[in-house]
N, C-alpha and C. Protein backbone atom coordinates (compact mmCIF):
# COMPACT_ATOMS: atom_id res chain seq x y z
N UNK A 1 0.82 -1.18 0.00
CA UNK A 1 0.00 0.00 0.00
C UNK A 1 0.87 1.25 0.00
N UNK A 2 1.91 1.23 0.82
CA UNK A 2 2.80 2.39 0.87
C UNK A 2 3.51 2.58 -0.48
N UNK A 3 3.84 1.47 -1.12
CA UNK A 3 4.47 1.55 -2.43
C UNK A 3 3.57 2.20 -3.46
N UNK A 4 2.28 1.85 -3.44
CA UNK A 4 1.33 2.47 -4.37
C UNK A 4 1.24 3.97 -4.16
N UNK A 5 1.19 4.39 -2.90
CA UNK A 5 1.11 5.82 -2.60
C UNK A 5 2.41 6.52 -3.00
N UNK A 6 3.55 5.87 -2.73
CA UNK A 6 4.84 6.47 -3.09
C UNK A 6 4.96 6.66 -4.60
N UNK A 7 4.59 5.63 -5.36
CA UNK A 7 4.67 5.72 -6.83
C UNK A 7 3.76 6.84 -7.33
N UNK A 8 2.54 6.89 -6.81
CA UNK A 8 1.60 7.92 -7.25
C UNK A 8 2.09 9.31 -6.88
N UNK A 9 2.71 9.45 -5.71
CA UNK A 9 3.22 10.74 -5.29
C UNK A 9 4.43 11.16 -6.11
N UNK A 10 5.35 10.22 -6.33
CA UNK A 10 6.58 10.53 -7.06
C UNK A 10 6.28 10.92 -8.51
N UNK A 11 5.47 10.12 -9.19
CA UNK A 11 5.15 10.44 -10.58
C UNK A 11 4.16 11.60 -10.65
N UNK A 12 3.27 11.68 -9.66
CA UNK A 12 2.29 12.76 -9.63
C UNK A 12 2.90 14.13 -9.45
N UNK A 13 4.14 14.19 -8.99
CA UNK A 13 4.82 15.47 -8.81
C UNK A 13 5.22 16.10 -10.14
N UNK A 14 5.23 15.31 -11.18
CA UNK A 14 5.60 15.83 -12.50
C UNK A 14 4.39 16.56 -13.11
N UNK A 15 4.60 17.76 -13.60
CA UNK A 15 3.48 18.50 -14.19
C UNK A 15 2.90 17.76 -15.40
N UNK A 16 1.63 17.77 -15.54
CA UNK A 16 0.83 17.20 -16.62
C UNK A 16 0.97 15.68 -16.69
N UNK A 17 2.18 15.18 -16.86
CA UNK A 17 2.40 13.73 -16.92
C UNK A 17 1.92 13.06 -15.64
N UNK A 18 2.17 13.68 -14.50
CA UNK A 18 1.74 13.13 -13.23
C UNK A 18 0.23 13.06 -13.12
N UNK A 19 -0.46 14.06 -13.63
CA UNK A 19 -1.93 14.05 -13.60
C UNK A 19 -2.49 12.93 -14.47
N UNK A 20 -1.91 12.77 -15.64
CA UNK A 20 -2.36 11.70 -16.54
C UNK A 20 -2.08 10.35 -15.91
N UNK A 21 -0.92 10.18 -15.29
CA UNK A 21 -0.57 8.93 -14.64
C UNK A 21 -1.55 8.62 -13.50
N UNK A 22 -1.90 9.63 -12.71
CA UNK A 22 -2.80 9.43 -11.57
C UNK A 22 -4.19 8.98 -12.03
N UNK A 23 -4.62 9.43 -13.19
CA UNK A 23 -5.93 9.03 -13.70
C UNK A 23 -5.95 7.52 -13.97
N UNK A 24 -4.87 6.99 -14.47
CA UNK A 24 -4.83 5.58 -14.83
C UNK A 24 -4.31 4.67 -13.71
N UNK A 25 -3.45 5.16 -12.85
CA UNK A 25 -2.83 4.31 -11.82
C UNK A 25 -3.78 4.02 -10.67
N UNK A 26 -4.51 5.02 -10.20
CA UNK A 26 -5.52 4.87 -9.15
C UNK A 26 -5.00 4.13 -7.92
N UNK A 27 -4.04 4.74 -7.22
CA UNK A 27 -3.42 4.08 -6.07
C UNK A 27 -4.43 3.83 -4.95
N UNK A 28 -5.38 4.73 -4.75
CA UNK A 28 -6.36 4.53 -3.68
C UNK A 28 -7.26 3.32 -3.97
N UNK A 29 -7.65 3.14 -5.22
CA UNK A 29 -8.48 1.99 -5.58
C UNK A 29 -7.69 0.69 -5.40
N UNK A 30 -6.41 0.71 -5.76
CA UNK A 30 -5.57 -0.48 -5.57
C UNK A 30 -5.41 -0.79 -4.09
N UNK A 31 -5.20 0.24 -3.28
CA UNK A 31 -5.05 0.03 -1.85
C UNK A 31 -6.34 -0.48 -1.21
N UNK A 32 -7.48 -0.01 -1.69
CA UNK A 32 -8.76 -0.49 -1.18
C UNK A 32 -8.94 -1.98 -1.50
N UNK A 33 -8.56 -2.38 -2.70
CA UNK A 33 -8.65 -3.80 -3.06
C UNK A 33 -7.72 -4.65 -2.21
N UNK A 34 -6.51 -4.15 -1.97
CA UNK A 34 -5.58 -4.88 -1.09
C UNK A 34 -6.16 -5.01 0.32
N UNK A 35 -6.75 -3.95 0.80
CA UNK A 35 -7.34 -3.97 2.13
C UNK A 35 -8.49 -4.97 2.22
N UNK A 36 -9.33 -5.00 1.19
CA UNK A 36 -10.44 -5.97 1.17
C UNK A 36 -9.93 -7.40 1.14
N UNK A 37 -8.84 -7.65 0.42
CA UNK A 37 -8.29 -9.00 0.33
C UNK A 37 -7.75 -9.49 1.66
N UNK A 38 -7.13 -8.60 2.41
CA UNK A 38 -6.41 -9.02 3.61
C UNK A 38 -7.13 -8.72 4.92
N UNK A 39 -8.18 -7.93 4.88
CA UNK A 39 -8.90 -7.59 6.11
C UNK A 39 -9.65 -8.82 6.62
N UNK A 40 -9.64 -8.98 7.92
CA UNK A 40 -10.38 -10.07 8.53
C UNK A 40 -9.63 -11.38 8.60
N UNK A 41 -8.48 -11.45 7.98
CA UNK A 41 -7.68 -12.67 8.05
C UNK A 41 -6.78 -12.58 9.27
N UNK A 42 -6.92 -13.52 10.19
CA UNK A 42 -6.07 -13.45 11.39
C UNK A 42 -4.61 -13.73 11.03
N UNK A 43 -3.76 -12.85 11.47
CA UNK A 43 -2.34 -13.00 11.18
C UNK A 43 -1.57 -12.19 12.22
N UNK A 44 -0.58 -12.79 12.79
CA UNK A 44 0.24 -12.06 13.75
C UNK A 44 1.33 -11.30 13.01
N UNK A 45 1.71 -10.17 13.55
CA UNK A 45 2.73 -9.37 12.90
C UNK A 45 4.11 -10.00 13.11
N UNK A 46 4.94 -9.83 12.11
CA UNK A 46 6.29 -10.40 12.15
C UNK A 46 7.30 -9.29 12.39
N UNK A 47 8.54 -9.70 12.59
CA UNK A 47 9.62 -8.74 12.78
C UNK A 47 9.76 -7.85 11.54
N UNK A 48 9.60 -8.41 10.36
CA UNK A 48 9.70 -7.64 9.11
C UNK A 48 8.60 -6.60 9.02
N UNK A 49 7.39 -6.93 9.51
CA UNK A 49 6.30 -5.96 9.52
C UNK A 49 6.66 -4.75 10.37
N UNK A 50 7.18 -5.01 11.57
CA UNK A 50 7.56 -3.92 12.46
C UNK A 50 8.74 -3.14 11.91
N UNK A 51 9.67 -3.82 11.28
CA UNK A 51 10.81 -3.15 10.67
C UNK A 51 10.35 -2.20 9.57
N UNK A 52 9.39 -2.63 8.79
CA UNK A 52 8.84 -1.79 7.72
C UNK A 52 8.15 -0.55 8.30
N UNK A 53 7.36 -0.73 9.33
CA UNK A 53 6.66 0.39 9.96
C UNK A 53 7.67 1.37 10.56
N UNK A 54 8.69 0.86 11.23
CA UNK A 54 9.72 1.72 11.80
C UNK A 54 10.46 2.46 10.69
N UNK A 55 10.74 1.77 9.58
CA UNK A 55 11.39 2.42 8.44
C UNK A 55 10.55 3.55 7.87
N UNK A 56 9.24 3.34 7.76
CA UNK A 56 8.36 4.40 7.28
C UNK A 56 8.37 5.59 8.23
N UNK A 57 8.35 5.30 9.53
CA UNK A 57 8.37 6.37 10.52
C UNK A 57 9.68 7.16 10.45
N UNK A 58 10.79 6.47 10.30
CA UNK A 58 12.09 7.14 10.18
C UNK A 58 12.12 7.99 8.91
N UNK A 59 11.60 7.46 7.81
CA UNK A 59 11.56 8.22 6.56
C UNK A 59 10.70 9.48 6.72
N UNK A 60 9.59 9.36 7.43
CA UNK A 60 8.74 10.52 7.69
C UNK A 60 9.50 11.57 8.51
N UNK A 61 10.21 11.12 9.55
CA UNK A 61 10.98 12.06 10.38
C UNK A 61 12.08 12.74 9.57
N UNK A 62 12.73 11.99 8.69
CA UNK A 62 13.79 12.57 7.84
C UNK A 62 13.19 13.64 6.92
N UNK A 63 12.06 13.33 6.30
CA UNK A 63 11.40 14.30 5.41
C UNK A 63 10.99 15.55 6.17
N UNK A 64 10.41 15.37 7.34
CA UNK A 64 10.01 16.53 8.15
C UNK A 64 11.23 17.35 8.57
N UNK A 65 12.30 16.68 8.94
CA UNK A 65 13.53 17.38 9.34
C UNK A 65 14.10 18.19 8.17
N UNK A 66 14.11 17.59 6.99
CA UNK A 66 14.61 18.30 5.81
C UNK A 66 13.75 19.51 5.48
N UNK A 67 12.44 19.37 5.64
CA UNK A 67 11.56 20.51 5.38
C UNK A 67 11.81 21.64 6.38
N UNK A 68 11.97 21.30 7.65
CA UNK A 68 12.25 22.33 8.66
C UNK A 68 13.60 22.98 8.38
N UNK A 69 14.60 22.18 8.05
CA UNK A 69 15.92 22.76 7.72
C UNK A 69 15.82 23.69 6.52
N UNK A 70 15.06 23.30 5.52
CA UNK A 70 14.87 24.16 4.35
C UNK A 70 14.19 25.46 4.70
N UNK A 71 13.18 25.40 5.56
CA UNK A 71 12.49 26.62 5.97
C UNK A 71 13.42 27.53 6.77
N UNK A 72 14.21 26.95 7.65
CA UNK A 72 15.15 27.75 8.45
C UNK A 72 16.19 28.38 7.54
N UNK A 73 16.71 27.62 6.59
CA UNK A 73 17.71 28.16 5.66
C UNK A 73 17.11 29.26 4.79
N UNK A 74 15.88 29.07 4.32
CA UNK A 74 15.23 30.09 3.50
C UNK A 74 14.97 31.35 4.31
N UNK A 75 14.51 31.19 5.54
CA UNK A 75 14.28 32.35 6.40
C UNK A 75 15.58 33.10 6.64
N UNK A 76 16.65 32.37 6.88
CA UNK A 76 17.95 32.99 7.10
C UNK A 76 18.42 33.72 5.85
N UNK A 77 18.23 33.11 4.70
CA UNK A 77 18.63 33.73 3.43
C UNK A 77 17.88 35.04 3.21
N UNK A 78 16.57 35.01 3.42
CA UNK A 78 15.78 36.23 3.19
C UNK A 78 16.06 37.30 4.26
N UNK A 79 16.37 36.85 5.49
CA UNK A 79 16.70 37.80 6.54
C UNK A 79 18.02 38.50 6.21
N UNK A 80 18.99 37.74 5.71
CA UNK A 80 20.27 38.33 5.33
C UNK A 80 20.11 39.22 4.11
N UNK A 81 19.23 38.86 3.21
CA UNK A 81 19.01 39.65 2.00
C UNK A 81 18.42 41.01 2.30
N UNK A 82 17.57 41.11 3.32
CA UNK A 82 16.97 42.40 3.65
C UNK A 82 17.91 43.25 4.48
N UNK A 83 18.95 42.65 5.09
CA UNK A 83 19.87 43.41 5.93
C UNK A 83 20.94 44.09 5.09
N UNK A 84 21.04 43.75 3.85
CA UNK A 84 22.10 44.32 2.99
C UNK A 84 21.84 45.75 2.66
């Protein structure tokens, strides 16, 4: 499911081509079908499942950290630009 969202987001970031891709790829519909297939089936989580979830969480924290760093750097750049 995360892979479907990642692919849709990565290709969807491209102007025009991404919109056309999103019309045909339909990541949400694919994820809904995956959910219907696997929902209700009893299964215990494995070490790999937890490792994947932790990896997603770390990736989210890295992305958020990079965004904050970018905002701080941009604010510093504009602050220095007005002081000249």
